[in-house]
All heavy atoms as atom14 arrays in JSON, in Angstrom:
{
  "sequence": "VKGRFTISRDNAKNTVYLQMNSLKPEDTAVYYCNAIYGPNDYWGQGT",
  "atom14_mask": [
    [1, 1, 1, 1, 1, 1, 1, 0, 0, 0, 0, 0, 0, 0],
    [1, 1, 1, 1, 1, 1, 1, 1, 1, 0, 0, 0, 0, 0],
    [1, 1, 1, 1, 0, 0, 0, 0, 0, 0, 0, 0, 0, 0],
    [1, 1, 1, 1, 1, 1, 1, 1, 1, 1, 1, 0, 0, 0],
    [1, 1, 1, 1, 1, 1, 1, 1, 1, 1, 1, 0, 0, 0],
    [1, 1, 1, 1, 1, 1, 1, 0, 0, 0, 0, 0, 0, 0],
    [1, 1, 1, 1, 1, 1, 1, 1, 0, 0, 0, 0, 0, 0],
    [1, 1, 1, 1, 1, 1, 0, 0, 0, 0, 0, 0, 0, 0],
    [1, 1, 1, 1, 1, 1, 1, 1, 1, 1, 1, 0, 0, 0],
    [1, 1, 1, 1, 1, 1, 1, 1, 0, 0, 0, 0, 0, 0],
    [1, 1, 1, 1, 1, 1, 1, 1, 0, 0, 0, 0, 0, 0],
    [1, 1, 1, 1, 1, 0, 0, 0, 0, 0, 0, 0, 0, 0],
    [1, 1, 1, 1, 1, 1, 1, 1, 1, 0, 0, 0, 0, 0],
    [1, 1, 1, 1, 1, 1, 1, 1, 0, 0, 0, 0, 0, 0],
    [1, 1, 1, 1, 1, 1, 1, 0, 0, 0, 0, 0, 0, 0],
    [1, 1, 1, 1, 1, 1, 1, 0, 0, 0, 0, 0, 0, 0],
    [1, 1, 1, 1, 1, 1, 1, 1, 1, 1, 1, 1, 0, 0],
    [1, 1, 1, 1, 1, 1, 1, 1, 0, 0, 0, 0, 0, 0],
    [1, 1, 1, 1, 1, 1, 1, 1, 1, 0, 0, 0, 0, 0],
    [1, 1, 1, 1, 1, 1, 1, 1, 0, 0, 0, 0, 0, 0],
    [1, 1, 1, 1, 1, 1, 1, 1, 0, 0, 0, 0, 0, 0],
    [1, 1, 1, 1, 1, 1, 0, 0, 0, 0, 0, 0, 0, 0],
    [1, 1, 1, 1, 1, 1, 1, 1, 0, 0, 0, 0, 0, 0],
    [1, 1, 1, 1, 1, 1, 1, 1, 1, 0, 0, 0, 0, 0],
    [1, 1, 1, 1, 1, 1, 1, 0, 0, 0, 0, 0, 0, 0],
    [1, 1, 1, 1, 1, 1, 1, 1, 1, 0, 0, 0, 0, 0],
    [1, 1, 1, 1, 1, 1, 1, 1, 0, 0, 0, 0, 0, 0],
    [1, 1, 1, 1, 1, 1, 1, 0, 0, 0, 0, 0, 0, 0],
    [1, 1, 1, 1, 1, 0, 0, 0, 0, 0, 0, 0, 0, 0],
    [1, 1, 1, 1, 1, 1, 1, 0, 0, 0, 0, 0, 0, 0],
    [1, 1, 1, 1, 1, 1, 1, 1, 1, 1, 1, 1, 0, 0],
    [1, 1, 1, 1, 1, 1, 1, 1, 1, 1, 1, 1, 0, 0],
    [1, 1, 1, 1, 1, 1, 0, 0, 0, 0, 0, 0, 0, 0],
    [1, 1, 1, 1, 1, 1, 1, 1, 0, 0, 0, 0, 0, 0],
    [1, 1, 1, 1, 1, 0, 0, 0, 0, 0, 0, 0, 0, 0],
    [1, 1, 1, 1, 1, 1, 1, 1, 0, 0, 0, 0, 0, 0],
    [1, 1, 1, 1, 1, 1, 1, 1, 1, 1, 1, 1, 0, 0],
    [1, 1, 1, 1, 0, 0, 0, 0, 0, 0, 0, 0, 0, 0],
    [1, 1, 1, 1, 1, 1, 1, 0, 0, 0, 0, 0, 0, 0],
    [1, 1, 1, 1, 1, 1, 1, 1, 0, 0, 0, 0, 0, 0],
    [1, 1, 1, 1, 1, 1, 1, 1, 0, 0, 0, 0, 0, 0],
    [1, 1, 1, 1, 1, 1, 1, 1, 1, 1, 1, 1, 0, 0],
    [1, 1, 1, 1, 1, 1, 1, 1, 1, 1, 1, 1, 1, 1],
    [1, 1, 1, 1, 0, 0, 0, 0, 0, 0, 0, 0, 0, 0],
    [1, 1, 1, 1, 1, 1, 1, 1, 1, 0, 0, 0, 0, 0],
    [1, 1, 1, 1, 0, 0, 0, 0, 0, 0, 0, 0, 0, 0],
    [1, 1, 1, 1, 1, 1, 1, 0, 0, 0, 0, 0, 0, 0]
  ],
  "atom14_positions": [
    [[24.52, -15.33, -18.29], [23.69, -14.13, -18.51], [24.11, -13.02, -17.5], [23.58, -11.91, -17.66], [22.15, -14.41, -18.32], [21.71, -15.56, -19.22], [21.74, -14.69, -16.92], [0.0, 0.0, 0.0], [0.0, 0.0, 0.0], [0.0, 0.0, 0.0], [0.0, 0.0, 0.0], [0.0, 0.0, 0.0], [0.0, 0.0, 0.0], [0.0, 0.0, 0.0]],
    [[24.94, -13.38, -16.56], [25.36, -12.27, -15.55], [25.88, -11.05, -16.2], [26.74, -11.17, -17.18], [26.35, -12.91, -14.63], [26.66, -12.18, -13.37], [27.55, -12.88, -12.42], [27.03, -14.2, -12.08], [27.85, -15.01, -11.01], [0.0, 0.0, 0.0], [0.0, 0.0, 0.0], [0.0, 0.0, 0.0], [0.0, 0.0, 0.0], [0.0, 0.0, 0.0]],
    [[25.41, -9.98, -15.8], [25.9, -8.67, -16.41], [25.07, -8.17, -17.61], [25.21, -7.07, -18.01], [0.0, 0.0, 0.0], [0.0, 0.0, 0.0], [0.0, 0.0, 0.0], [0.0, 0.0, 0.0], [0.0, 0.0, 0.0], [0.0, 0.0, 0.0], [0.0, 0.0, 0.0], [0.0, 0.0, 0.0], [0.0, 0.0, 0.0], [0.0, 0.0, 0.0]],
    [[24.2, -9.05, -18.11], [23.4, -8.74, -19.32], [21.89, -8.78, -18.93], [21.08, -7.99, -19.46], [23.64, -9.59, -20.42], [25.13, -9.58, -20.88], [25.24, -10.43, -22.13], [24.98, -11.85, -22.0], [24.04, -12.5, -22.63], [23.33, -11.99, -23.62], [23.84, -13.8, -22.39], [0.0, 0.0, 0.0], [0.0, 0.0, 0.0], [0.0, 0.0, 0.0]],
    [[21.53, -9.63, -18.07], [20.1, -9.79, -17.77], [19.85, -9.27, -16.34], [20.69, -9.43, -15.46], [19.66, -11.31, -17.74], [19.66, -11.92, -19.2], [20.12, -11.3, -20.24], [19.1, -13.16, -19.32], [20.07, -11.94, -21.48], [19.03, -13.77, -20.59], [19.46, -13.15, -21.67], [0.0, 0.0, 0.0], [0.0, 0.0, 0.0], [0.0, 0.0, 0.0]],
    [[18.73, -8.82, -16.08], [18.26, -8.42, -14.78], [16.85, -9.01, -14.4], [15.9, -8.66, -15.15], [18.12, -6.87, -14.65], [19.52, -6.37, -15.06], [17.8, -6.39, -13.22], [0.0, 0.0, 0.0], [0.0, 0.0, 0.0], [0.0, 0.0, 0.0], [0.0, 0.0, 0.0], [0.0, 0.0, 0.0], [0.0, 0.0, 0.0], [0.0, 0.0, 0.0]],
    [[16.78, -9.69, -13.39], [15.59, -10.11, -12.88], [14.99, -9.14, -11.81], [15.73, -8.66, -11.02], [15.64, -11.55, -12.22], [14.26, -12.16, -11.95], [16.56, -11.62, -11.09], [14.28, -13.75, -11.63], [0.0, 0.0, 0.0], [0.0, 0.0, 0.0], [0.0, 0.0, 0.0], [0.0, 0.0, 0.0], [0.0, 0.0, 0.0], [0.0, 0.0, 0.0]],
    [[13.65, -9.04, -11.84], [13.06, -8.09, -10.73], [11.67, -8.62, -10.52], [11.07, -9.38, -11.23], [13.1, -6.71, -11.23], [12.29, -6.57, -12.38], [0.0, 0.0, 0.0], [0.0, 0.0, 0.0], [0.0, 0.0, 0.0], [0.0, 0.0, 0.0], [0.0, 0.0, 0.0], [0.0, 0.0, 0.0], [0.0, 0.0, 0.0], [0.0, 0.0, 0.0]],
    [[11.06, -8.06, -9.39], [9.67, -8.44, -9.03], [8.93, -7.13, -8.71], [9.42, -6.23, -8.03], [9.63, -9.37, -7.91], [9.54, -10.82, -8.23], [9.34, -11.67, -7.02], [8.11, -11.29, -6.27], [6.89, -11.74, -6.56], [6.71, -12.62, -7.48], [5.87, -11.36, -5.86], [0.0, 0.0, 0.0], [0.0, 0.0, 0.0], [0.0, 0.0, 0.0]],
    [[7.67, -7.17, -9.02], [6.73, -6.1, -8.61], [5.82, -6.75, -7.68], [4.9, -7.56, -8.07], [5.99, -5.47, -9.74], [5.02, -4.36, -9.2], [4.49, -4.4, -8.12], [4.84, -3.37, -10.04], [0.0, 0.0, 0.0], [0.0, 0.0, 0.0], [0.0, 0.0, 0.0], [0.0, 0.0, 0.0], [0.0, 0.0, 0.0], [0.0, 0.0, 0.0]],
    [[6.01, -6.61, -6.35], [5.27, -7.41, -5.36], [3.79, -7.05, -5.46], [2.92, -7.9, -5.14], [5.82, -7.28, -3.9], [7.16, -7.9, -3.85], [7.44, -8.97, -4.4], [8.01, -7.32, -3.03], [0.0, 0.0, 0.0], [0.0, 0.0, 0.0], [0.0, 0.0, 0.0], [0.0, 0.0, 0.0], [0.0, 0.0, 0.0], [0.0, 0.0, 0.0]],
    [[3.45, -5.74, -5.68], [2.04, -5.38, -5.72], [1.32, -6.08, -6.91], [0.12, -6.39, -6.71], [1.99, -3.8, -5.94], [0.0, 0.0, 0.0], [0.0, 0.0, 0.0], [0.0, 0.0, 0.0], [0.0, 0.0, 0.0], [0.0, 0.0, 0.0], [0.0, 0.0, 0.0], [0.0, 0.0, 0.0], [0.0, 0.0, 0.0], [0.0, 0.0, 0.0]],
    [[1.97, -6.29, -7.96], [1.38, -6.99, -9.09], [1.61, -8.53, -9.12], [1.14, -9.16, -9.92], [1.85, -6.45, -10.39], [1.58, -4.95, -10.55], [2.06, -4.35, -11.86], [1.71, -2.93, -12.07], [2.17, -2.41, -13.41], [0.0, 0.0, 0.0], [0.0, 0.0, 0.0], [0.0, 0.0, 0.0], [0.0, 0.0, 0.0], [0.0, 0.0, 0.0]],
    [[2.45, -8.99, -8.16], [2.91, -10.37, -8.14], [3.4, -10.8, -9.51], [2.97, -11.77, -10.11], [1.83, -11.24, -7.64], [2.26, -12.7, -7.33], [3.54, -12.91, -7.12], [1.43, -13.6, -7.19], [0.0, 0.0, 0.0], [0.0, 0.0, 0.0], [0.0, 0.0, 0.0], [0.0, 0.0, 0.0], [0.0, 0.0, 0.0], [0.0, 0.0, 0.0]],
    [[4.3, -9.93, -10.11], [4.77, -10.21, -11.42], [6.36, -10.23, -11.28], [6.98, -9.31, -10.67], [4.37, -9.11, -12.32], [2.94, -9.16, -12.43], [4.89, -9.32, -13.82], [0.0, 0.0, 0.0], [0.0, 0.0, 0.0], [0.0, 0.0, 0.0], [0.0, 0.0, 0.0], [0.0, 0.0, 0.0], [0.0, 0.0, 0.0], [0.0, 0.0, 0.0]],
    [[6.9, -11.16, -11.98], [8.39, -11.22, -12.12], [8.72, -10.77, -13.56], [8.1, -11.2, -14.53], [8.94, -12.61, -11.69], [8.49, -13.69, -12.74], [10.45, -12.54, -11.58], [0.0, 0.0, 0.0], [0.0, 0.0, 0.0], [0.0, 0.0, 0.0], [0.0, 0.0, 0.0], [0.0, 0.0, 0.0], [0.0, 0.0, 0.0], [0.0, 0.0, 0.0]],
    [[9.85, -10.12, -13.75], [10.31, -9.62, -15.0], [11.83, -10.17, -15.28], [12.51, -10.49, -14.38], [10.33, -8.12, -15.04], [9.09, -7.46, -14.66], [8.73, -7.08, -13.46], [8.08, -7.34, -15.72], [7.47, -6.41, -13.19], [6.82, -6.74, -15.42], [6.59, -6.23, -14.1], [5.42, -5.74, -13.88], [0.0, 0.0, 0.0], [0.0, 0.0, 0.0]],
    [[12.13, -10.18, -16.56], [13.43, -10.43, -16.92], [13.84, -9.5, -17.99], [13.36, -9.56, -19.16], [13.65, -11.91, -17.38], [15.05, -12.36, -17.68], [15.93, -12.45, -16.43], [15.0, -13.72, -18.46], [0.0, 0.0, 0.0], [0.0, 0.0, 0.0], [0.0, 0.0, 0.0], [0.0, 0.0, 0.0], [0.0, 0.0, 0.0], [0.0, 0.0, 0.0]],
    [[14.61, -8.5, -17.65], [15.17, -7.54, -18.66], [16.37, -8.13, -19.26], [17.4, -8.48, -18.55], [15.52, -6.21, -17.98], [16.1, -5.17, -18.86], [15.18, -4.7, -19.98], [14.01, -4.35, -19.69], [15.64, -4.68, -21.28], [0.0, 0.0, 0.0], [0.0, 0.0, 0.0], [0.0, 0.0, 0.0], [0.0, 0.0, 0.0], [0.0, 0.0, 0.0]],
    [[16.35, -8.35, -20.6], [17.53, -9.0, -21.3], [18.18, -7.92, -22.2], [17.47, -7.42, -23.12], [17.03, -10.18, -22.04], [16.26, -11.14, -21.3], [15.74, -12.66, -22.12], [14.58, -11.98, -23.3], [0.0, 0.0, 0.0], [0.0, 0.0, 0.0], [0.0, 0.0, 0.0], [0.0, 0.0, 0.0], [0.0, 0.0, 0.0], [0.0, 0.0, 0.0]],
    [[19.4, -7.59, -21.97], [20.18, -6.68, -22.84], [21.28, -7.38, -23.44], [21.75, -8.49, -23.04], [20.66, -5.54, -21.92], [19.54, -4.71, -21.35], [18.44, -4.62, -21.8], [19.85, -4.17, -20.15], [0.0, 0.0, 0.0], [0.0, 0.0, 0.0], [0.0, 0.0, 0.0], [0.0, 0.0, 0.0], [0.0, 0.0, 0.0], [0.0, 0.0, 0.0]],
    [[21.91, -6.69, -24.46], [23.1, -7.31, -25.16], [22.81, -8.78, -25.57], [23.63, -9.58, -25.4], [24.3, -7.2, -24.29], [24.51, -5.87, -23.96], [0.0, 0.0, 0.0], [0.0, 0.0, 0.0], [0.0, 0.0, 0.0], [0.0, 0.0, 0.0], [0.0, 0.0, 0.0], [0.0, 0.0, 0.0], [0.0, 0.0, 0.0], [0.0, 0.0, 0.0]],
    [[21.68, -8.99, -26.15], [21.25, -10.45, -26.5], [22.19, -10.87, -27.62], [22.73, -10.24, -28.45], [19.82, -10.39, -26.96], [18.81, -10.27, -25.83], [17.4, -9.87, -26.25], [18.68, -11.62, -25.08], [0.0, 0.0, 0.0], [0.0, 0.0, 0.0], [0.0, 0.0, 0.0], [0.0, 0.0, 0.0], [0.0, 0.0, 0.0], [0.0, 0.0, 0.0]],
    [[22.4, -12.23, -27.44], [23.29, -12.97, -28.38], [22.4, -14.1, -28.99], [21.5, -14.58, -28.47], [24.45, -13.63, -27.55], [25.29, -12.58, -26.71], [26.24, -13.37, -25.94], [27.14, -12.32, -25.09], [28.18, -13.11, -24.27], [0.0, 0.0, 0.0], [0.0, 0.0, 0.0], [0.0, 0.0, 0.0], [0.0, 0.0, 0.0], [0.0, 0.0, 0.0]],
    [[22.89, -14.63, -30.18], [22.19, -15.7, -30.74], [22.13, -16.88, -29.87], [20.98, -17.55, -29.88], [23.04, -16.03, -31.98], [23.7, -14.69, -32.39], [23.92, -14.09, -30.99], [0.0, 0.0, 0.0], [0.0, 0.0, 0.0], [0.0, 0.0, 0.0], [0.0, 0.0, 0.0], [0.0, 0.0, 0.0], [0.0, 0.0, 0.0], [0.0, 0.0, 0.0]],
    [[22.96, -17.15, -28.98], [22.95, -18.31, -28.12], [21.97, -18.09, -26.97], [21.68, -19.01, -26.23], [24.27, -18.6, -27.47], [25.01, -17.36, -26.85], [26.04, -16.78, -27.8], [25.67, -16.55, -28.99], [27.19, -16.44, -27.35], [0.0, 0.0, 0.0], [0.0, 0.0, 0.0], [0.0, 0.0, 0.0], [0.0, 0.0, 0.0], [0.0, 0.0, 0.0]],
    [[21.29, -16.93, -26.91], [20.18, -16.76, -25.85], [18.86, -17.2, -26.53], [17.79, -17.23, -25.79], [20.02, -15.25, -25.52], [21.23, -14.69, -24.78], [21.74, -15.3, -23.9], [21.67, -13.55, -25.14], [0.0, 0.0, 0.0], [0.0, 0.0, 0.0], [0.0, 0.0, 0.0], [0.0, 0.0, 0.0], [0.0, 0.0, 0.0], [0.0, 0.0, 0.0]],
    [[18.89, -17.56, -27.72], [17.67, -18.05, -28.38], [17.14, -19.33, -27.6], [17.94, -20.31, -27.49], [17.96, -18.37, -29.87], [18.29, -17.18, -30.58], [16.71, -19.03, -30.53], [0.0, 0.0, 0.0], [0.0, 0.0, 0.0], [0.0, 0.0, 0.0], [0.0, 0.0, 0.0], [0.0, 0.0, 0.0], [0.0, 0.0, 0.0], [0.0, 0.0, 0.0]],
    [[15.97, -19.21, -27.19], [15.24, -20.44, -26.37], [13.83, -20.01, -26.1], [13.4, -18.82, -26.24], [16.04, -20.52, -25.12], [0.0, 0.0, 0.0], [0.0, 0.0, 0.0], [0.0, 0.0, 0.0], [0.0, 0.0, 0.0], [0.0, 0.0, 0.0], [0.0, 0.0, 0.0], [0.0, 0.0, 0.0], [0.0, 0.0, 0.0], [0.0, 0.0, 0.0]],
    [[13.15, -21.0, -25.62], [11.85, -20.69, -24.96], [12.15, -20.45, -23.53], [12.87, -21.23, -22.78], [10.93, -21.93, -25.04], [9.61, -21.64, -24.38], [10.59, -22.29, -26.48], [0.0, 0.0, 0.0], [0.0, 0.0, 0.0], [0.0, 0.0, 0.0], [0.0, 0.0, 0.0], [0.0, 0.0, 0.0], [0.0, 0.0, 0.0], [0.0, 0.0, 0.0]],
    [[11.59, -19.37, -23.05], [11.9, -18.84, -21.61], [10.61, -19.17, -20.76], [9.5, -18.86, -21.19], [12.15, -17.34, -21.59], [13.63, -17.13, -22.03], [14.0, -17.25, -23.38], [14.57, -16.72, -21.13], [15.24, -16.98, -23.8], [15.87, -16.49, -21.53], [16.28, -16.65, -22.86], [17.57, -16.43, -23.33], [0.0, 0.0, 0.0], [0.0, 0.0, 0.0]],
    [[10.88, -19.78, -19.67], [9.88, -20.17, -18.69], [10.04, -19.53, -17.33], [11.12, -19.39, -16.88], [9.89, -21.69, -18.45], [9.61, -22.5, -19.76], [10.85, -22.87, -20.5], [8.35, -22.96, -20.03], [10.51, -23.68, -21.65], [8.23, -23.74, -21.25], [9.31, -24.04, -21.97], [9.13, -24.93, -23.02], [0.0, 0.0, 0.0], [0.0, 0.0, 0.0]],
    [[8.97, -19.11, -16.79], [9.0, -18.64, -15.41], [8.59, -19.88, -14.38], [7.88, -20.79, -14.9], [8.22, -17.41, -15.03], [6.45, -17.54, -15.33], [0.0, 0.0, 0.0], [0.0, 0.0, 0.0], [0.0, 0.0, 0.0], [0.0, 0.0, 0.0], [0.0, 0.0, 0.0], [0.0, 0.0, 0.0], [0.0, 0.0, 0.0], [0.0, 0.0, 0.0]],
    [[8.92, -19.82, -13.17], [8.77, -20.84, -12.32], [8.34, -20.34, -10.87], [8.93, -19.36, -10.5], [9.98, -21.79, -12.28], [9.92, -22.83, -11.08], [10.4, -22.57, -10.01], [9.29, -23.93, -11.4], [0.0, 0.0, 0.0], [0.0, 0.0, 0.0], [0.0, 0.0, 0.0], [0.0, 0.0, 0.0], [0.0, 0.0, 0.0], [0.0, 0.0, 0.0]],
    [[7.42, -21.06, -10.26], [7.05, -20.78, -8.86], [7.11, -22.11, -8.18], [6.68, -23.06, -8.66], [5.76, -20.06, -8.7], [0.0, 0.0, 0.0], [0.0, 0.0, 0.0], [0.0, 0.0, 0.0], [0.0, 0.0, 0.0], [0.0, 0.0, 0.0], [0.0, 0.0, 0.0], [0.0, 0.0, 0.0], [0.0, 0.0, 0.0], [0.0, 0.0, 0.0]],
    [[7.53, -22.03, -6.84], [7.46, -23.27, -6.0], [6.46, -22.96, -4.92], [6.58, -21.96, -4.18], [8.83, -23.55, -5.41], [9.87, -23.77, -6.6], [8.83, -24.73, -4.59], [11.22, -23.92, -6.19], [0.0, 0.0, 0.0], [0.0, 0.0, 0.0], [0.0, 0.0, 0.0], [0.0, 0.0, 0.0], [0.0, 0.0, 0.0], [0.0, 0.0, 0.0]],
    [[5.51, -23.9, -4.78], [4.51, -23.8, -3.67], [4.49, -25.13, -2.96], [4.01, -26.16, -3.6], [3.2, -23.48, -4.29], [2.09, -23.13, -3.27], [1.96, -21.94, -2.65], [1.17, -24.17, -2.94], [1.0, -21.78, -1.71], [0.32, -24.01, -1.99], [0.15, -22.68, -1.37], [-0.89, -22.48, -0.52], [0.0, 0.0, 0.0], [0.0, 0.0, 0.0]],
    [[5.06, -25.25, -1.78], [5.09, -26.47, -1.07], [6.03, -27.41, -1.8], [7.08, -27.03, -2.24], [0.0, 0.0, 0.0], [0.0, 0.0, 0.0], [0.0, 0.0, 0.0], [0.0, 0.0, 0.0], [0.0, 0.0, 0.0], [0.0, 0.0, 0.0], [0.0, 0.0, 0.0], [0.0, 0.0, 0.0], [0.0, 0.0, 0.0], [0.0, 0.0, 0.0]],
    [[5.5, -28.68, -2.11], [6.28, -29.62, -2.85], [6.15, -29.57, -4.35], [6.79, -30.28, -5.05], [5.62, -30.93, -2.34], [4.2, -30.63, -2.15], [4.21, -29.21, -1.59], [0.0, 0.0, 0.0], [0.0, 0.0, 0.0], [0.0, 0.0, 0.0], [0.0, 0.0, 0.0], [0.0, 0.0, 0.0], [0.0, 0.0, 0.0], [0.0, 0.0, 0.0]],
    [[5.39, -28.52, -4.82], [5.05, -28.49, -6.25], [5.74, -27.37, -6.94], [6.03, -26.27, -6.33], [3.55, -28.31, -6.39], [2.8, -29.52, -5.81], [3.18, -30.65, -5.97], [1.73, -29.14, -5.07], [0.0, 0.0, 0.0], [0.0, 0.0, 0.0], [0.0, 0.0, 0.0], [0.0, 0.0, 0.0], [0.0, 0.0, 0.0], [0.0, 0.0, 0.0]],
    [[6.1, -27.66, -8.24], [6.64, -26.7, -9.17], [5.56, -26.23, -10.14], [4.79, -27.06, -10.56], [7.81, -27.25, -9.98], [9.16, -27.11, -9.31], [9.54, -25.84, -9.05], [9.79, -28.05, -9.03], [0.0, 0.0, 0.0], [0.0, 0.0, 0.0], [0.0, 0.0, 0.0], [0.0, 0.0, 0.0], [0.0, 0.0, 0.0], [0.0, 0.0, 0.0]],
    [[5.48, -24.93, -10.37], [4.56, -24.4, -11.31], [5.29, -23.76, -12.45], [6.16, -23.0, -12.2], [3.55, -23.41, -10.67], [2.57, -24.13, -9.67], [3.03, -24.33, -8.44], [1.39, -24.49, -10.12], [2.18, -24.92, -7.55], [0.5, -25.19, -9.25], [0.88, -25.42, -7.95], [0.09, -26.07, -7.07], [0.0, 0.0, 0.0], [0.0, 0.0, 0.0]],
    [[4.91, -24.09, -13.68], [5.53, -23.55, -14.91], [4.54, -22.84, -15.74], [3.36, -23.28, -15.84], [6.17, -24.6, -15.7], [7.24, -25.35, -14.89], [7.1, -26.51, -14.14], [8.69, -25.04, -14.79], [8.36, -26.85, -13.61], [9.24, -26.02, -14.07], [9.43, -24.02, -15.45], [10.61, -25.94, -13.85], [10.81, -23.98, -15.16], [11.4, -24.92, -14.37]],
    [[5.02, -21.83, -16.47], [4.17, -21.25, -17.55], [4.31, -22.0, -18.85], [5.02, -23.01, -18.79], [0.0, 0.0, 0.0], [0.0, 0.0, 0.0], [0.0, 0.0, 0.0], [0.0, 0.0, 0.0], [0.0, 0.0, 0.0], [0.0, 0.0, 0.0], [0.0, 0.0, 0.0], [0.0, 0.0, 0.0], [0.0, 0.0, 0.0], [0.0, 0.0, 0.0]],
    [[3.67, -21.46, -19.83], [3.69, -22.19, -21.11], [4.96, -21.86, -21.92], [5.22, -22.42, -23.0], [2.5, -21.86, -22.0], [2.48, -20.52, -22.66], [2.51, -19.3, -21.76], [2.13, -19.42, -20.58], [2.73, -18.1, -22.31], [0.0, 0.0, 0.0], [0.0, 0.0, 0.0], [0.0, 0.0, 0.0], [0.0, 0.0, 0.0], [0.0, 0.0, 0.0]],
    [[5.64, -20.77, -21.55], [6.8, -20.38, -22.11], [6.6, -19.32, -23.15], [5.51, -19.26, -23.76], [0.0, 0.0, 0.0], [0.0, 0.0, 0.0], [0.0, 0.0, 0.0], [0.0, 0.0, 0.0], [0.0, 0.0, 0.0], [0.0, 0.0, 0.0], [0.0, 0.0, 0.0], [0.0, 0.0, 0.0], [0.0, 0.0, 0.0], [0.0, 0.0, 0.0]],
    [[7.66, -18.54, -23.47], [7.67, -17.46, -24.46], [9.02, -17.58, -25.26], [10.0, -17.71, -24.64], [7.48, -16.11, -23.84], [7.26, -15.09, -24.9], [8.55, -15.68, -22.93], [0.0, 0.0, 0.0], [0.0, 0.0, 0.0], [0.0, 0.0, 0.0], [0.0, 0.0, 0.0], [0.0, 0.0, 0.0], [0.0, 0.0, 0.0], [0.0, 0.0, 0.0]]
  ]
}
């Protein structure tokens, strides 16, 4: 994805973004965000 996707954060909103450009059929997937807190991983439901 290098050169096509851009990850960013808005710290005030505690939100992470993924801007995806020049999308290809092989980018088709369920996308999940992740946070690590201590020994635990947290996942969303996916989009």
